[in-house]
């Protein structure tokens, strides 16, 4: 996702990594509720844990280290760009 006309991604690498991991974990959690003994699902979970969890947790730590002012600025930027995209 990039701001209109800039070619730059809207989310930085850490924000994007955390968002992807959050979506993946939510999907895995929901699937585990409905299919708790599905071997393929367990394999997907282990793959996530082996390859994606540590980078996602490192990115989460980066986001947690941001000040309130930095977070407010990022939220404002993202919301503004999304509103501009919706309006165009």
C-alpha atoms as a PDB file:
ATOM      1  CA  UNK A   1       0.000   0.000   0.000  1.00  0.00           C
ATOM      2  CA  UNK A   2       1.608   3.280  -1.047  1.00  0.00           C
ATOM      3  CA  UNK A   3       0.465   6.868  -0.647  1.00  0.00           C
ATOM      4  CA  UNK A   4      -1.119   8.249  -3.799  1.00  0.00           C
ATOM      5  CA  UNK A   5       1.545   9.195  -6.330  1.00  0.00           C
ATOM      6  CA  UNK A   6       4.580   8.535  -4.104  1.00  0.00           C
ATOM      7  CA  UNK A   7       5.375   4.925  -4.933  1.00  0.00           C
ATOM      8  CA  UNK A   8       6.333   4.470  -1.275  1.00  0.00           C
ATOM      9  CA  UNK A   9       4.555   1.908   0.893  1.00  0.00           C
ATOM     10  CA  UNK A  10       1.998   3.389   3.258  1.00  0.00           C
ATOM     11  CA  UNK A  11       3.088   1.124   6.110  1.00  0.00           C
ATOM     12  CA  UNK A  12       6.722   0.812   7.077  1.00  0.00           C
ATOM     13  CA  UNK A  13       8.310  -2.650   7.201  1.00  0.00           C
ATOM     14  CA  UNK A  14       7.597  -3.180  10.897  1.00  0.00           C
ATOM     15  CA  UNK A  15       3.979  -2.058  10.620  1.00  0.00           C
ATOM     16  CA  UNK A  16       3.402  -4.288   7.593  1.00  0.00           C
ATOM     17  CA  UNK A  17       5.062  -7.296   9.255  1.00  0.00           C
ATOM     18  CA  UNK A  18       2.939  -6.928  12.403  1.00  0.00           C
ATOM     19  CA  UNK A  19      -0.234  -6.497  10.340  1.00  0.00           C
ATOM     20  CA  UNK A  20       0.517  -9.615   8.266  1.00  0.00           C
ATOM     21  CA  UNK A  21       1.355 -11.652  11.366  1.00  0.00           C
ATOM     22  CA  UNK A  22      -1.800 -10.493  13.151  1.00  0.00           C
ATOM     23  CA  UNK A  23      -3.981 -11.508  10.211  1.00  0.00           C
ATOM     24  CA  UNK A  24      -2.236 -14.875   9.890  1.00  0.00           C
ATOM     25  CA  UNK A  25      -2.557 -15.590  13.608  1.00  0.00           C
ATOM     26  CA  UNK A  26      -6.244 -14.662  13.620  1.00  0.00           C
ATOM     27  CA  UNK A  27      -6.871 -17.034  10.709  1.00  0.00           C
ATOM     28  CA  UNK A  28      -4.904 -19.822  12.395  1.00  0.00           C
ATOM     29  CA  UNK A  29      -6.715 -19.298  15.694  1.00  0.00           C
ATOM     30  CA  UNK A  30     -10.129 -19.424  14.036  1.00  0.00           C
ATOM     31  CA  UNK A  31      -9.166 -22.533  12.093  1.00  0.00           C
ATOM     32  CA  UNK A  32      -7.901 -24.229  15.257  1.00  0.00           C
ATOM     33  CA  UNK A  33     -11.291 -23.723  16.882  1.00  0.00           C
ATOM     34  CA  UNK A  34     -13.129 -25.446  14.054  1.00  0.00           C
ATOM     35  CA  UNK A  35     -10.454 -28.019  13.147  1.00  0.00           C
ATOM     36  CA  UNK A  36      -8.313 -28.632  16.250  1.00  0.00           C
ATOM     37  CA  UNK A  37      -6.907 -31.954  15.035  1.00  0.00           C
ATOM     38  CA  UNK A  38      -6.170 -31.003  11.426  1.00  0.00           C
ATOM     39  CA  UNK A  39      -2.570 -32.046  10.747  1.00  0.00           C
ATOM     40  CA  UNK A  40      -2.160 -29.618   7.851  1.00  0.00           C
ATOM     41  CA  UNK A  41      -3.307 -26.786  10.074  1.00  0.00           C
ATOM     42  CA  UNK A  42      -0.793 -27.803  12.737  1.00  0.00           C
ATOM     43  CA  UNK A  43       1.908 -27.781  10.067  1.00  0.00           C
ATOM     44  CA  UNK A  44       0.880 -24.253   9.036  1.00  0.00           C
ATOM     45  CA  UNK A  45       1.059 -23.167  12.660  1.00  0.00           C
ATOM     46  CA  UNK A  46       4.557 -24.622  13.103  1.00  0.00           C
ATOM     47  CA  UNK A  47       5.709 -23.023   9.871  1.00  0.00           C
ATOM     48  CA  UNK A  48       4.487 -19.661  11.116  1.00  0.00           C
ATOM     49  CA  UNK A  49       6.222 -20.159  14.452  1.00  0.00           C
ATOM     50  CA  UNK A  50       9.473 -21.298  12.823  1.00  0.00           C
ATOM     51  CA  UNK A  51       9.725 -18.585  10.167  1.00  0.00           C
ATOM     52  CA  UNK A  52       7.541 -15.602  10.954  1.00  0.00           C
ATOM     53  CA  UNK A  53       7.009 -15.279  14.682  1.00  0.00           C
ATOM     54  CA  UNK A  54      10.436 -13.944  15.707  1.00  0.00           C
ATOM     55  CA  UNK A  55      10.589 -11.238  13.015  1.00  0.00           C
ATOM     56  CA  UNK A  56       6.994 -10.259  13.855  1.00  0.00           C
ATOM     57  CA  UNK A  57       7.787 -10.075  17.567  1.00  0.00           C
ATOM     58  CA  UNK A  58      10.885  -7.963  16.830  1.00  0.00           C
ATOM     59  CA  UNK A  59       8.741  -5.607  14.764  1.00  0.00           C
ATOM     60  CA  UNK A  60       6.164  -5.508  17.552  1.00  0.00           C
ATOM     61  CA  UNK A  61       8.924  -4.408  19.946  1.00  0.00           C
ATOM     62  CA  UNK A  62       9.861  -1.610  17.522  1.00  0.00           C
ATOM     63  CA  UNK A  63       6.256  -0.416  17.451  1.00  0.00           C
ATOM     64  CA  UNK A  64       5.985  -0.589  21.240  1.00  0.00           C
ATOM     65  CA  UNK A  65       9.110   1.575  21.551  1.00  0.00           C
ATOM     66  CA  UNK A  66       7.479   4.433  19.624  1.00  0.00           C
ATOM     67  CA  UNK A  67       6.347   7.443  21.592  1.00  0.00           C
ATOM     68  CA  UNK A  68       2.729   8.482  21.777  1.00  0.00           C
ATOM     69  CA  UNK A  69       3.508  11.412  19.460  1.00  0.00           C
ATOM     70  CA  UNK A  70       5.110   9.095  16.887  1.00  0.00           C
ATOM     71  CA  UNK A  71       2.127   6.739  17.002  1.00  0.00           C
ATOM     72  CA  UNK A  72      -0.354   9.604  16.623  1.00  0.00           C
ATOM     73  CA  UNK A  73       1.598  10.925  13.633  1.00  0.00           C
ATOM     74  CA  UNK A  74       1.615   7.491  11.937  1.00  0.00           C
ATOM     75  CA  UNK A  75      -2.105   7.017  12.567  1.00  0.00           C
ATOM     76  CA  UNK A  76      -2.837  10.475  11.183  1.00  0.00           C
ATOM     77  CA  UNK A  77      -0.746   9.800   8.080  1.00  0.00           C
ATOM     78  CA  UNK A  78      -2.345   6.434   7.384  1.00  0.00           C
ATOM     79  CA  UNK A  79      -5.890   7.719   7.924  1.00  0.00           C
ATOM     80  CA  UNK A  80      -5.287  10.786   5.764  1.00  0.00           C
ATOM     81  CA  UNK A  81      -3.893   8.766   2.855  1.00  0.00           C
ATOM     82  CA  UNK A  82      -6.717   6.236   3.089  1.00  0.00           C
ATOM     83  CA  UNK A  83      -9.293   9.047   3.107  1.00  0.00           C
ATOM     84  CA  UNK A  84      -7.671  10.637   0.067  1.00  0.00           C
ATOM     85  CA  UNK A  85      -7.728   7.315  -1.763  1.00  0.00           C
ATOM     86  CA  UNK A  86     -11.375   6.782  -0.924  1.00  0.00           C
ATOM     87  CA  UNK A  87     -12.266  10.273  -2.118  1.00  0.00           C
ATOM     88  CA  UNK A  88     -10.491   9.866  -5.461  1.00  0.00           C
END
